[in-house]
């Protein structure tokens, strides 16, 4: 009788210790059925120890089974999945879970449906904490579909994330100073009709030499953009000098300088077959060779088409 009473005490203690495990929304040591079982066993042993060793062991075993069973069959986070098979304890109230007790992530982007503001994200796409695809340049086109990353803020883009070019001249609208250029007409980097004799500004050479100075590359890079945009445009690189020095020497120097420019353009992506070189020496001045300013203007390289 005494052992029966002790056993009953152990069961009651086990129930009390593990009943809290079934309280909705709670988490703690009692979430694990093993812990509940251990608690029940400890209570049983404590109760059984008042009688003798065998009673302690027997009642402890009963407490182990009862405590573990109660906790295991409870549903601590109230998600509808029993604790013993719940792989995601502490699920937020209202979250829809699968058979393992884990919140569902229908599109597999790592953000559960409850928090996902952009359901249906394509597989493999990188998303933010809201489950929406990352758009690094903020143009409204996700990175996985953006063919033109790094679009300037505020620029209008098409469905591929590329800036619009209303007149189709190869210069996007945000940089086009001459919108509505007629179709097929070559334009400069501002979208305006390319001059028949386009002077390459700030292209300089070392004294009495055809070697380009370091500060010439910026202007030449702009010319490369034009020629690459109009890949079928045939151009002449025309070299000019001032009137100081021998006529024949100036003619040769102007051609060598034009060739240096052509070599740079070709090396940086211009089509070699479309580039021709000619030196004009001092024969085609655009200013008075009697002044330093005039001579400086006459020392030039032009792109003609």
C-alpha atoms as a PDB file:
ATOM      1  CA  UNK A   1       0.000   0.000   0.000  1.00  0.00           C
ATOM      2  CA  UNK A   2       2.805   2.295   0.931  1.00  0.00           C
ATOM      3  CA  UNK A   3       4.547   1.718  -2.408  1.00  0.00           C
ATOM      4  CA  UNK A   4       1.258   2.372  -4.172  1.00  0.00           C
ATOM      5  CA  UNK A   5       0.919   5.680  -2.427  1.00  0.00           C
ATOM      6  CA  UNK A   6       4.499   6.588  -3.244  1.00  0.00           C
ATOM      7  CA  UNK A   7       3.906   5.722  -6.849  1.00  0.00           C
ATOM      8  CA  UNK A   8       0.836   7.892  -6.896  1.00  0.00           C
ATOM      9  CA  UNK A   9       2.841  10.742  -5.399  1.00  0.00           C
ATOM     10  CA  UNK A  10       5.486  10.317  -8.129  1.00  0.00           C
ATOM     11  CA  UNK A  11       2.873  10.406 -10.844  1.00  0.00           C
ATOM     12  CA  UNK A  12       1.279  13.524  -9.419  1.00  0.00           C
ATOM     13  CA  UNK A  13       4.659  15.225  -9.100  1.00  0.00           C
ATOM     14  CA  UNK A  14       5.519  14.222 -12.666  1.00  0.00           C
ATOM     15  CA  UNK A  15       2.248  15.683 -13.883  1.00  0.00           C
ATOM     16  CA  UNK A  16       2.864  18.920 -12.046  1.00  0.00           C
ATOM     17  CA  UNK A  17       6.454  19.243 -13.288  1.00  0.00           C
ATOM     18  CA  UNK A  18       5.660  18.506 -16.912  1.00  0.00           C
ATOM     19  CA  UNK A  19       2.139  19.914 -17.305  1.00  0.00           C
ATOM     20  CA  UNK A  20       3.622  23.318 -17.978  1.00  0.00           C
ATOM     21  CA  UNK A  21       5.106  21.829 -21.130  1.00  0.00           C
ATOM     22  CA  UNK A  22       1.669  21.829 -22.716  1.00  0.00           C
ATOM     23  CA  UNK A  23       1.119  25.541 -22.132  1.00  0.00           C
ATOM     24  CA  UNK A  24       0.803  27.316 -25.496  1.00  0.00           C
ATOM     25  CA  UNK A  25       3.618  29.628 -26.538  1.00  0.00           C
ATOM     26  CA  UNK A  26       6.039  28.641 -23.764  1.00  0.00           C
ATOM     27  CA  UNK A  27       9.600  27.573 -24.225  1.00  0.00           C
ATOM     28  CA  UNK A  28      12.214  26.384 -21.781  1.00  0.00           C
ATOM     29  CA  UNK A  29      13.913  23.312 -20.365  1.00  0.00           C
ATOM     30  CA  UNK A  30      10.615  21.460 -20.376  1.00  0.00           C
ATOM     31  CA  UNK A  31      10.296  21.673 -24.177  1.00  0.00           C
ATOM     32  CA  UNK A  32      12.358  18.523 -24.530  1.00  0.00           C
ATOM     33  CA  UNK A  33      10.514  15.337 -23.585  1.00  0.00           C
ATOM     34  CA  UNK A  34      13.776  13.940 -22.264  1.00  0.00           C
ATOM     35  CA  UNK A  35      14.031  16.750 -19.763  1.00  0.00           C
ATOM     36  CA  UNK A  36      10.430  16.196 -18.681  1.00  0.00           C
ATOM     37  CA  UNK A  37      11.123  12.489 -18.305  1.00  0.00           C
ATOM     38  CA  UNK A  38      14.203  13.238 -16.225  1.00  0.00           C
ATOM     39  CA  UNK A  39      12.183  15.620 -14.068  1.00  0.00           C
ATOM     40  CA  UNK A  40       9.521  12.969 -13.554  1.00  0.00           C
ATOM     41  CA  UNK A  41      12.175  10.388 -12.681  1.00  0.00           C
ATOM     42  CA  UNK A  42      13.811  12.731 -10.193  1.00  0.00           C
ATOM     43  CA  UNK A  43      10.478  13.399  -8.522  1.00  0.00           C
ATOM     44  CA  UNK A  44       9.714   9.687  -8.406  1.00  0.00           C
ATOM     45  CA  UNK A  45      13.075   8.768  -6.912  1.00  0.00           C
ATOM     46  CA  UNK A  46      12.710  11.501  -4.314  1.00  0.00           C
ATOM     47  CA  UNK A  47       9.301  10.176  -3.329  1.00  0.00           C
ATOM     48  CA  UNK A  48      10.380   6.536  -3.393  1.00  0.00           C
ATOM     49  CA  UNK A  49      13.482   7.215  -1.338  1.00  0.00           C
ATOM     50  CA  UNK A  50      11.302   7.665   1.753  1.00  0.00           C
ATOM     51  CA  UNK A  51      10.611   3.928   1.664  1.00  0.00           C
ATOM     52  CA  UNK A  52      13.564   1.922   0.366  1.00  0.00           C
ATOM     53  CA  UNK A  53      15.972   1.674  -2.590  1.00  0.00           C
ATOM     54  CA  UNK A  54      13.825  -0.670  -4.663  1.00  0.00           C
ATOM     55  CA  UNK A  55      10.818   1.582  -4.232  1.00  0.00           C
ATOM     56  CA  UNK A  56      12.859   4.592  -5.265  1.00  0.00           C
ATOM     57  CA  UNK A  57      13.973   2.864  -8.470  1.00  0.00           C
ATOM     58  CA  UNK A  58      10.506   1.600  -9.301  1.00  0.00           C
ATOM     59  CA  UNK A  59       8.751   4.861  -8.632  1.00  0.00           C
ATOM     60  CA  UNK A  60      11.519   6.778 -10.423  1.00  0.00           C
ATOM     61  CA  UNK A  61      10.995   4.643 -13.536  1.00  0.00           C
ATOM     62  CA  UNK A  62       7.290   5.337 -13.408  1.00  0.00           C
ATOM     63  CA  UNK A  63       7.932   9.039 -13.073  1.00  0.00           C
ATOM     64  CA  UNK A  64      10.320   8.881 -16.033  1.00  0.00           C
ATOM     65  CA  UNK A  65       7.668   7.356 -18.287  1.00  0.00           C
ATOM     66  CA  UNK A  66       4.865   9.608 -17.151  1.00  0.00           C
ATOM     67  CA  UNK A  67       6.895  12.839 -17.322  1.00  0.00           C
ATOM     68  CA  UNK A  68       8.327  12.028 -20.738  1.00  0.00           C
ATOM     69  CA  UNK A  69       4.959  10.993 -22.146  1.00  0.00           C
ATOM     70  CA  UNK A  70       3.188  14.117 -20.971  1.00  0.00           C
ATOM     71  CA  UNK A  71       5.830  16.437 -22.379  1.00  0.00           C
ATOM     72  CA  UNK A  72       6.277  14.506 -25.606  1.00  0.00           C
ATOM     73  CA  UNK A  73       2.571  14.497 -26.357  1.00  0.00           C
ATOM     74  CA  UNK A  74       2.145  18.145 -25.466  1.00  0.00           C
ATOM     75  CA  UNK A  75       2.239  21.014 -27.978  1.00  0.00           C
ATOM     76  CA  UNK A  76       4.260  23.722 -26.303  1.00  0.00           C
ATOM     77  CA  UNK A  77       4.100  26.288 -29.122  1.00  0.00           C
ATOM     78  CA  UNK A  78       0.481  25.453 -30.033  1.00  0.00           C
ATOM     79  CA  UNK A  79       1.267  24.966 -33.712  1.00  0.00           C
ATOM     80  CA  UNK A  80      -0.657  21.694 -33.999  1.00  0.00           C
ATOM     81  CA  UNK A  81       2.464  19.491 -34.001  1.00  0.00           C
ATOM     82  CA  UNK A  82       3.246  17.403 -30.935  1.00  0.00           C
ATOM     83  CA  UNK A  83       6.505  18.155 -29.176  1.00  0.00           C
ATOM     84  CA  UNK A  84       8.061  14.764 -29.897  1.00  0.00           C
ATOM     85  CA  UNK A  85       8.063  15.421 -33.648  1.00  0.00           C
ATOM     86  CA  UNK A  86       8.332  19.235 -33.627  1.00  0.00           C
ATOM     87  CA  UNK A  87      11.676  20.205 -35.218  1.00  0.00           C
ATOM     88  CA  UNK A  88      10.986  23.938 -34.871  1.00  0.00           C
ATOM     89  CA  UNK A  89       9.993  24.664 -31.292  1.00  0.00           C
ATOM     90  CA  UNK A  90       8.718  28.080 -30.348  1.00  0.00           C
ATOM     91  CA  UNK A  91       6.870  28.777 -33.606  1.00  0.00           C
ATOM     92  CA  UNK A  92       5.293  32.234 -33.597  1.00  0.00           C
ATOM     93  CA  UNK A  93       1.559  32.169 -32.988  1.00  0.00           C
ATOM     94  CA  UNK A  94      -0.364  32.225 -36.264  1.00  0.00           C
ATOM     95  CA  UNK A  95       2.446  30.787 -38.361  1.00  0.00           C
ATOM     96  CA  UNK A  96       1.462  28.046 -40.807  1.00  0.00           C
ATOM     97  CA  UNK A  97       3.685  25.015 -40.288  1.00  0.00           C
ATOM     98  CA  UNK A  98       4.483  21.747 -42.027  1.00  0.00           C
ATOM     99  CA  UNK A  99       4.362  18.260 -40.521  1.00  0.00           C
ATOM    100  CA  UNK A 100       7.655  18.926 -38.723  1.00  0.00           C
ATOM    101  CA  UNK A 101       6.305  22.030 -36.996  1.00  0.00           C
ATOM    102  CA  UNK A 102       8.407  24.409 -39.085  1.00  0.00           C
ATOM    103  CA  UNK A 103       6.915  27.482 -40.757  1.00  0.00           C
ATOM    104  CA  UNK A 104       6.265  27.052 -44.452  1.00  0.00           C
ATOM    105  CA  UNK A 105       8.442  28.848 -47.019  1.00  0.00           C
ATOM    106  CA  UNK A 106       6.559  28.195 -50.248  1.00  0.00           C
ATOM    107  CA  UNK A 107       9.064  29.752 -52.648  1.00  0.00           C
ATOM    108  CA  UNK A 108      12.139  28.444 -50.808  1.00  0.00           C
ATOM    109  CA  UNK A 109      13.838  31.828 -50.554  1.00  0.00           C
ATOM    110  CA  UNK A 110      14.656  31.495 -46.858  1.00  0.00           C
ATOM    111  CA  UNK A 111      11.859  33.813 -45.701  1.00  0.00           C
ATOM    112  CA  UNK A 112       8.769  32.126 -44.255  1.00  0.00           C
ATOM    113  CA  UNK A 113       5.400  32.883 -45.820  1.00  0.00           C
ATOM    114  CA  UNK A 114       4.238  34.861 -42.778  1.00  0.00           C
ATOM    115  CA  UNK A 115       7.011  37.425 -43.398  1.00  0.00           C
ATOM    116  CA  UNK A 116       7.338  37.116 -47.176  1.00  0.00           C
ATOM    117  CA  UNK A 117       6.096  40.257 -48.940  1.00  0.00           C
ATOM    118  CA  UNK A 118       7.113  38.908 -52.343  1.00  0.00           C
ATOM    119  CA  UNK A 119       5.809  35.337 -52.676  1.00  0.00           C
ATOM    120  CA  UNK A 120       6.758  33.335 -55.729  1.00  0.00           C
ATOM    121  CA  UNK A 121      10.391  34.480 -55.900  1.00  0.00           C
ATOM    122  CA  UNK A 122      12.250  32.464 -58.587  1.00  0.00           C
ATOM    123  CA  UNK A 123      14.543  29.742 -57.290  1.00  0.00           C
ATOM    124  CA  UNK A 124      18.114  30.851 -56.561  1.00  0.00           C
ATOM    125  CA  UNK A 125      17.344  34.555 -56.395  1.00  0.00           C
ATOM    126  CA  UNK A 126      18.930  36.530 -53.553  1.00  0.00           C
ATOM    127  CA  UNK A 127      16.317  38.242 -51.403  1.00  0.00           C
ATOM    128  CA  UNK A 128      16.204  40.685 -48.508  1.00  0.00           C
ATOM    129  CA  UNK A 129      14.647  40.133 -45.090  1.00  0.00           C
ATOM    130  CA  UNK A 130      11.186  40.779 -46.580  1.00  0.00           C
ATOM    131  CA  UNK A 131      11.595  37.995 -49.138  1.00  0.00           C
ATOM    132  CA  UNK A 132      11.870  40.422 -52.054  1.00  0.00           C
ATOM    133  CA  UNK A 133      14.584  40.169 -54.677  1.00  0.00           C
ATOM    134  CA  UNK A 134      17.492  42.534 -54.139  1.00  0.00           C
ATOM    135  CA  UNK A 135      17.637  45.509 -56.512  1.00  0.00           C
ATOM    136  CA  UNK A 136      21.109  46.944 -55.972  1.00  0.00           C
ATOM    137  CA  UNK A 137      20.701  50.037 -58.154  1.00  0.00           C
ATOM    138  CA  UNK A 138      17.117  50.724 -57.095  1.00  0.00           C
ATOM    139  CA  UNK A 139      15.729  50.928 -60.627  1.00  0.00           C
ATOM    140  CA  UNK A 140      12.813  48.600 -59.951  1.00  0.00           C
ATOM    141  CA  UNK A 141      14.341  45.608 -61.745  1.00  0.00           C
ATOM    142  CA  UNK A 142      15.714  42.786 -59.571  1.00  0.00           C
ATOM    143  CA  UNK A 143      19.395  41.935 -59.904  1.00  0.00           C
ATOM    144  CA  UNK A 144      18.741  38.547 -61.537  1.00  0.00           C
ATOM    145  CA  UNK A 145      16.932  40.257 -64.437  1.00  0.00           C
ATOM    146  CA  UNK A 146      18.994  43.471 -64.576  1.00  0.00           C
ATOM    147  CA  UNK A 147      21.144  43.557 -67.716  1.00  0.00           C
ATOM    148  CA  UNK A 148      22.394  47.043 -66.899  1.00  0.00           C
ATOM    149  CA  UNK A 149      23.469  47.127 -63.234  1.00  0.00           C
ATOM    150  CA  UNK A 150      24.537  50.442 -61.723  1.00  0.00           C
ATOM    151  CA  UNK A 151      21.841  52.570 -63.387  1.00  0.00           C
ATOM    152  CA  UNK A 152      21.959  56.179 -62.064  1.00  0.00           C
ATOM    153  CA  UNK A 153      19.298  57.024 -59.485  1.00  0.00           C
ATOM    154  CA  UNK A 154      16.078  58.299 -61.035  1.00  0.00           C
ATOM    155  CA  UNK A 155      16.821  57.115 -64.568  1.00  0.00           C
ATOM    156  CA  UNK A 156      13.920  55.492 -66.430  1.00  0.00           C
ATOM    157  CA  UNK A 157      14.616  51.920 -67.455  1.00  0.00           C
ATOM    158  CA  UNK A 158      13.040  49.177 -69.530  1.00  0.00           C
ATOM    159  CA  UNK A 159      12.053  45.703 -68.313  1.00  0.00           C
ATOM    160  CA  UNK A 160      15.706  44.651 -68.415  1.00  0.00           C
ATOM    161  CA  UNK A 161      16.877  47.479 -66.161  1.00  0.00           C
ATOM    162  CA  UNK A 162      18.560  49.400 -68.977  1.00  0.00           C
ATOM    163  CA  UNK A 163      18.097  53.138 -69.472  1.00  0.00           C
ATOM    164  CA  UNK A 164      15.711  54.209 -72.187  1.00  0.00           C
ATOM    165  CA  UNK A 165      17.018  55.562 -75.481  1.00  0.00           C
ATOM    166  CA  UNK A 166      14.001  57.213 -77.055  1.00  0.00           C
ATOM    167  CA  UNK A 167      15.540  58.087 -80.434  1.00  0.00           C
ATOM    168  CA  UNK A 168      17.647  54.921 -80.718  1.00  0.00           C
ATOM    169  CA  UNK A 169      20.910  56.762 -81.335  1.00  0.00           C
ATOM    170  CA  UNK A 170      22.855  54.777 -78.754  1.00  0.00           C
ATOM    171  CA  UNK A 171      22.870  57.561 -76.159  1.00  0.00           C
ATOM    172  CA  UNK A 172      20.492  57.029 -73.239  1.00  0.00           C
ATOM    173  CA  UNK A 173      17.863  59.680 -72.583  1.00  0.00           C
ATOM    174  CA  UNK A 174      19.438  60.923 -69.340  1.00  0.00           C
ATOM    175  CA  UNK A 175      22.597  61.908 -71.277  1.00  0.00           C
ATOM    176  CA  UNK A 176      21.014  62.847 -74.612  1.00  0.00           C
ATOM    177  CA  UNK A 177      21.162  66.592 -75.198  1.00  0.00           C
ATOM    178  CA  UNK A 178      19.655  66.222 -78.648  1.00  0.00           C
ATOM    179  CA  UNK A 179      16.597  63.950 -78.407  1.00  0.00           C
ATOM    180  CA  UNK A 180      14.787  62.920 -81.576  1.00  0.00           C
ATOM    181  CA  UNK A 181      17.966  62.614 -83.669  1.00  0.00           C
ATOM    182  CA  UNK A 182      17.037  61.194 -87.108  1.00  0.00           C
ATOM    183  CA  UNK A 183      17.498  57.441 -87.354  1.00  0.00           C
ATOM    184  CA  UNK A 184      20.844  56.278 -88.704  1.00  0.00           C
ATOM    185  CA  UNK A 185      22.683  59.559 -88.142  1.00  0.00           C
ATOM    186  CA  UNK A 186      25.994  59.216 -86.265  1.00  0.00           C
ATOM    187  CA  UNK A 187      26.054  61.165 -83.018  1.00  0.00           C
ATOM    188  CA  UNK A 188      28.599  62.247 -80.437  1.00  0.00           C
ATOM    189  CA  UNK A 189      28.536  61.205 -76.809  1.00  0.00           C
ATOM    190  CA  UNK A 190      25.842  63.785 -76.041  1.00  0.00           C
ATOM    191  CA  UNK A 191      23.453  62.381 -78.637  1.00  0.00           C
ATOM    192  CA  UNK A 192      23.959  65.281 -81.050  1.00  0.00           C
ATOM    193  CA  UNK A 193      24.816  64.926 -84.736  1.00  0.00           C
ATOM    194  CA  UNK A 194      28.519  64.157 -85.131  1.00  0.00           C
ATOM    195  CA  UNK A 195      30.350  66.995 -86.855  1.00  0.00           C
ATOM    196  CA  UNK A 196      31.881  66.157 -90.218  1.00  0.00           C
ATOM    197  CA  UNK A 197      35.209  67.358 -88.815  1.00  0.00           C
ATOM    198  CA  UNK A 198      35.153  66.398 -85.130  1.00  0.00           C
ATOM    199  CA  UNK A 199      38.127  67.918 -83.321  1.00  0.00           C
ATOM    200  CA  UNK A 200      39.696  65.736 -80.688  1.00  0.00           C
ATOM    201  CA  UNK A 201      40.026  68.272 -77.905  1.00  0.00           C
ATOM    202  CA  UNK A 202      42.969  68.256 -75.494  1.00  0.00           C
ATOM    203  CA  UNK A 203      44.968  65.766 -77.537  1.00  0.00           C
ATOM    204  CA  UNK A 204      48.607  66.792 -77.153  1.00  0.00           C
ATOM    205  CA  UNK A 205      52.012  65.445 -78.050  1.00  0.00           C
ATOM    206  CA  UNK A 206      55.445  65.782 -76.609  1.00  0.00           C
ATOM    207  CA  UNK A 207      57.563  68.562 -78.171  1.00  0.00           C
ATOM    208  CA  UNK A 208      58.566  67.822 -81.764  1.00  0.00           C
ATOM    209  CA  UNK A 209      57.279  64.261 -81.334  1.00  0.00           C
ATOM    210  CA  UNK A 210      54.381  61.964 -82.208  1.00  0.00           C
ATOM    211  CA  UNK A 211      54.238  60.583 -78.652  1.00  0.00           C
ATOM    212  CA  UNK A 212      50.937  61.300 -76.940  1.00  0.00           C
ATOM    213  CA  UNK A 213      51.035  63.029 -73.563  1.00  0.00           C
ATOM    214  CA  UNK A 214      49.341  61.348 -70.589  1.00  0.00           C
ATOM    215  CA  UNK A 215      46.564  63.959 -70.460  1.00  0.00           C
ATOM    216  CA  UNK A 216      45.376  63.034 -73.959  1.00  0.00           C
ATOM    217  CA  UNK A 217      43.754  59.728 -73.062  1.00  0.00           C
ATOM    218  CA  UNK A 218      40.503  61.137 -71.667  1.00  0.00           C
ATOM    219  CA  UNK A 219      39.573  62.787 -74.959  1.00  0.00           C
ATOM    220  CA  UNK A 220      40.671  59.771 -76.972  1.00  0.00           C
ATOM    221  CA  UNK A 221      38.552  57.480 -74.788  1.00  0.00           C
ATOM    222  CA  UNK A 222      35.531  59.612 -75.670  1.00  0.00           C
ATOM    223  CA  UNK A 223      36.357  59.115 -79.349  1.00  0.00           C
ATOM    224  CA  UNK A 224      36.563  55.363 -78.795  1.00  0.00           C
ATOM    225  CA  UNK A 225      33.013  55.412 -77.401  1.00  0.00           C
ATOM    226  CA  UNK A 226      31.763  57.096 -80.578  1.00  0.00           C
ATOM    227  CA  UNK A 227      33.512  54.653 -82.886  1.00  0.00           C
ATOM    228  CA  UNK A 228      32.381  51.597 -80.920  1.00  0.00           C
ATOM    229  CA  UNK A 229      28.791  52.851 -80.868  1.00  0.00           C
ATOM    230  CA  UNK A 230      28.914  53.353 -84.662  1.00  0.00           C
ATOM    231  CA  UNK A 231      30.892  50.253 -85.553  1.00  0.00           C
ATOM    232  CA  UNK A 232      30.309  50.671 -89.305  1.00  0.00           C
ATOM    233  CA  UNK A 233      31.379  54.337 -89.441  1.00  0.00           C
ATOM    234  CA  UNK A 234      34.468  54.895 -91.592  1.00  0.00           C
ATOM    235  CA  UNK A 235      36.623  57.782 -90.442  1.00  0.00           C
ATOM    236  CA  UNK A 236      39.797  59.590 -91.361  1.00  0.00           C
ATOM    237  CA  UNK A 237      42.215  60.608 -88.630  1.00  0.00           C
ATOM    238  CA  UNK A 238      43.571  63.923 -89.893  1.00  0.00           C
ATOM    239  CA  UNK A 239      46.775  65.386 -88.402  1.00  0.00           C
ATOM    240  CA  UNK A 240      47.642  69.117 -88.613  1.00  0.00           C
ATOM    241  CA  UNK A 241      50.576  71.300 -87.547  1.00  0.00           C
ATOM    242  CA  UNK A 242      51.285  75.000 -87.327  1.00  0.00           C
ATOM    243  CA  UNK A 243      53.506  76.787 -89.854  1.00  0.00           C
ATOM    244  CA  UNK A 244      56.726  76.770 -87.877  1.00  0.00           C
ATOM    245  CA  UNK A 245      59.378  74.577 -89.470  1.00  0.00           C
ATOM    246  CA  UNK A 246      59.945  72.919 -92.819  1.00  0.00           C
ATOM    247  CA  UNK A 247      56.839  72.121 -94.855  1.00  0.00           C
ATOM    248  CA  UNK A 248      57.889  68.556 -95.647  1.00  0.00           C
ATOM    249  CA  UNK A 249      58.873  67.893 -92.057  1.00  0.00           C
ATOM    250  CA  UNK A 250      55.545  69.213 -90.807  1.00  0.00           C
ATOM    251  CA  UNK A 251      53.715  66.985 -93.281  1.00  0.00           C
ATOM    252  CA  UNK A 252      55.497  63.893 -91.965  1.00  0.00           C
ATOM    253  CA  UNK A 253      55.046  64.936 -88.331  1.00  0.00           C
ATOM    254  CA  UNK A 254      51.315  65.460 -88.814  1.00  0.00           C
ATOM    255  CA  UNK A 255      50.934  61.996 -90.306  1.00  0.00           C
ATOM    256  CA  UNK A 256      52.939  60.363 -87.510  1.00  0.00           C
ATOM    257  CA  UNK A 257      50.796  62.114 -84.925  1.00  0.00           C
ATOM    258  CA  UNK A 258      47.605  61.011 -86.686  1.00  0.00           C
ATOM    259  CA  UNK A 259      48.934  57.447 -86.714  1.00  0.00           C
ATOM    260  CA  UNK A 260      49.608  57.601 -82.963  1.00  0.00           C
ATOM    261  CA  UNK A 261      45.996  58.607 -82.410  1.00  0.00           C
ATOM    262  CA  UNK A 262      44.725  55.835 -84.698  1.00  0.00           C
ATOM    263  CA  UNK A 263      46.880  53.266 -82.903  1.00  0.00           C
ATOM    264  CA  UNK A 264      45.412  54.290 -79.551  1.00  0.00           C
ATOM    265  CA  UNK A 265      41.831  54.132 -80.834  1.00  0.00           C
ATOM    266  CA  UNK A 266      42.324  50.692 -82.351  1.00  0.00           C
ATOM    267  CA  UNK A 267      44.101  49.364 -79.259  1.00  0.00           C
ATOM    268  CA  UNK A 268      41.081  50.379 -77.193  1.00  0.00           C
ATOM    269  CA  UNK A 269      38.355  48.808 -79.296  1.00  0.00           C
ATOM    270  CA  UNK A 270      37.836  50.807 -82.499  1.00  0.00           C
ATOM    271  CA  UNK A 271      37.622  48.798 -85.738  1.00  0.00           C
ATOM    272  CA  UNK A 272      40.945  49.041 -87.569  1.00  0.00           C
ATOM    273  CA  UNK A 273      39.408  48.449 -91.001  1.00  0.00           C
ATOM    274  CA  UNK A 274      37.296  51.594 -90.646  1.00  0.00           C
ATOM    275  CA  UNK A 275      40.166  53.961 -89.741  1.00  0.00           C
ATOM    276  CA  UNK A 276      42.326  55.779 -92.244  1.00  0.00           C
ATOM    277  CA  UNK A 277      45.233  58.106 -91.495  1.00  0.00           C
ATOM    278  CA  UNK A 278      46.296  61.272 -93.308  1.00  0.00           C
ATOM    279  CA  UNK A 279      48.696  64.100 -92.499  1.00  0.00           C
ATOM    280  CA  UNK A 280      47.925  67.634 -93.715  1.00  0.00           C
ATOM    281  CA  UNK A 281      50.946  69.376 -92.261  1.00  0.00           C
ATOM    282  CA  UNK A 282      50.402  73.135 -92.208  1.00  0.00           C
ATOM    283  CA  UNK A 283      48.191  73.211 -95.313  1.00  0.00           C
ATOM    284  CA  UNK A 284      44.816  73.514 -93.599  1.00  0.00           C
ATOM    285  CA  UNK A 285      44.994  76.122 -90.829  1.00  0.00           C
ATOM    286  CA  UNK A 286      41.919  77.161 -88.855  1.00  0.00           C
ATOM    287  CA  UNK A 287      43.537  80.187 -87.193  1.00  0.00           C
ATOM    288  CA  UNK A 288      46.279  82.807 -87.694  1.00  0.00           C
ATOM    289  CA  UNK A 289      49.729  81.265 -87.483  1.00  0.00           C
ATOM    290  CA  UNK A 290      51.057  84.723 -86.612  1.00  0.00           C
ATOM    291  CA  UNK A 291      49.926  84.349 -82.974  1.00  0.00           C
ATOM    292  CA  UNK A 292      50.685  81.735 -80.330  1.00  0.00           C
ATOM    293  CA  UNK A 293      46.974  81.132 -79.766  1.00  0.00           C
ATOM    294  CA  UNK A 294      46.453  80.660 -83.496  1.00  0.00           C
ATOM    295  CA  UNK A 295      49.341  78.248 -83.825  1.00  0.00           C
ATOM    296  CA  UNK A 296      48.019  76.229 -80.872  1.00  0.00           C
ATOM    297  CA  UNK A 297      44.633  75.962 -82.593  1.00  0.00           C
ATOM    298  CA  UNK A 298      46.267  74.781 -85.806  1.00  0.00           C
ATOM    299  CA  UNK A 299      48.156  71.977 -84.013  1.00  0.00           C
ATOM    300  CA  UNK A 300      45.234  69.558 -83.916  1.00  0.00           C
ATOM    301  CA  UNK A 301      43.905  66.104 -84.765  1.00  0.00           C
ATOM    302  CA  UNK A 302      40.452  65.643 -86.232  1.00  0.00           C
ATOM    303  CA  UNK A 303      38.119  62.747 -86.807  1.00  0.00           C
ATOM    304  CA  UNK A 304      36.508  63.163 -90.246  1.00  0.00           C
ATOM    305  CA  UNK A 305      33.653  61.160 -91.760  1.00  0.00           C
END
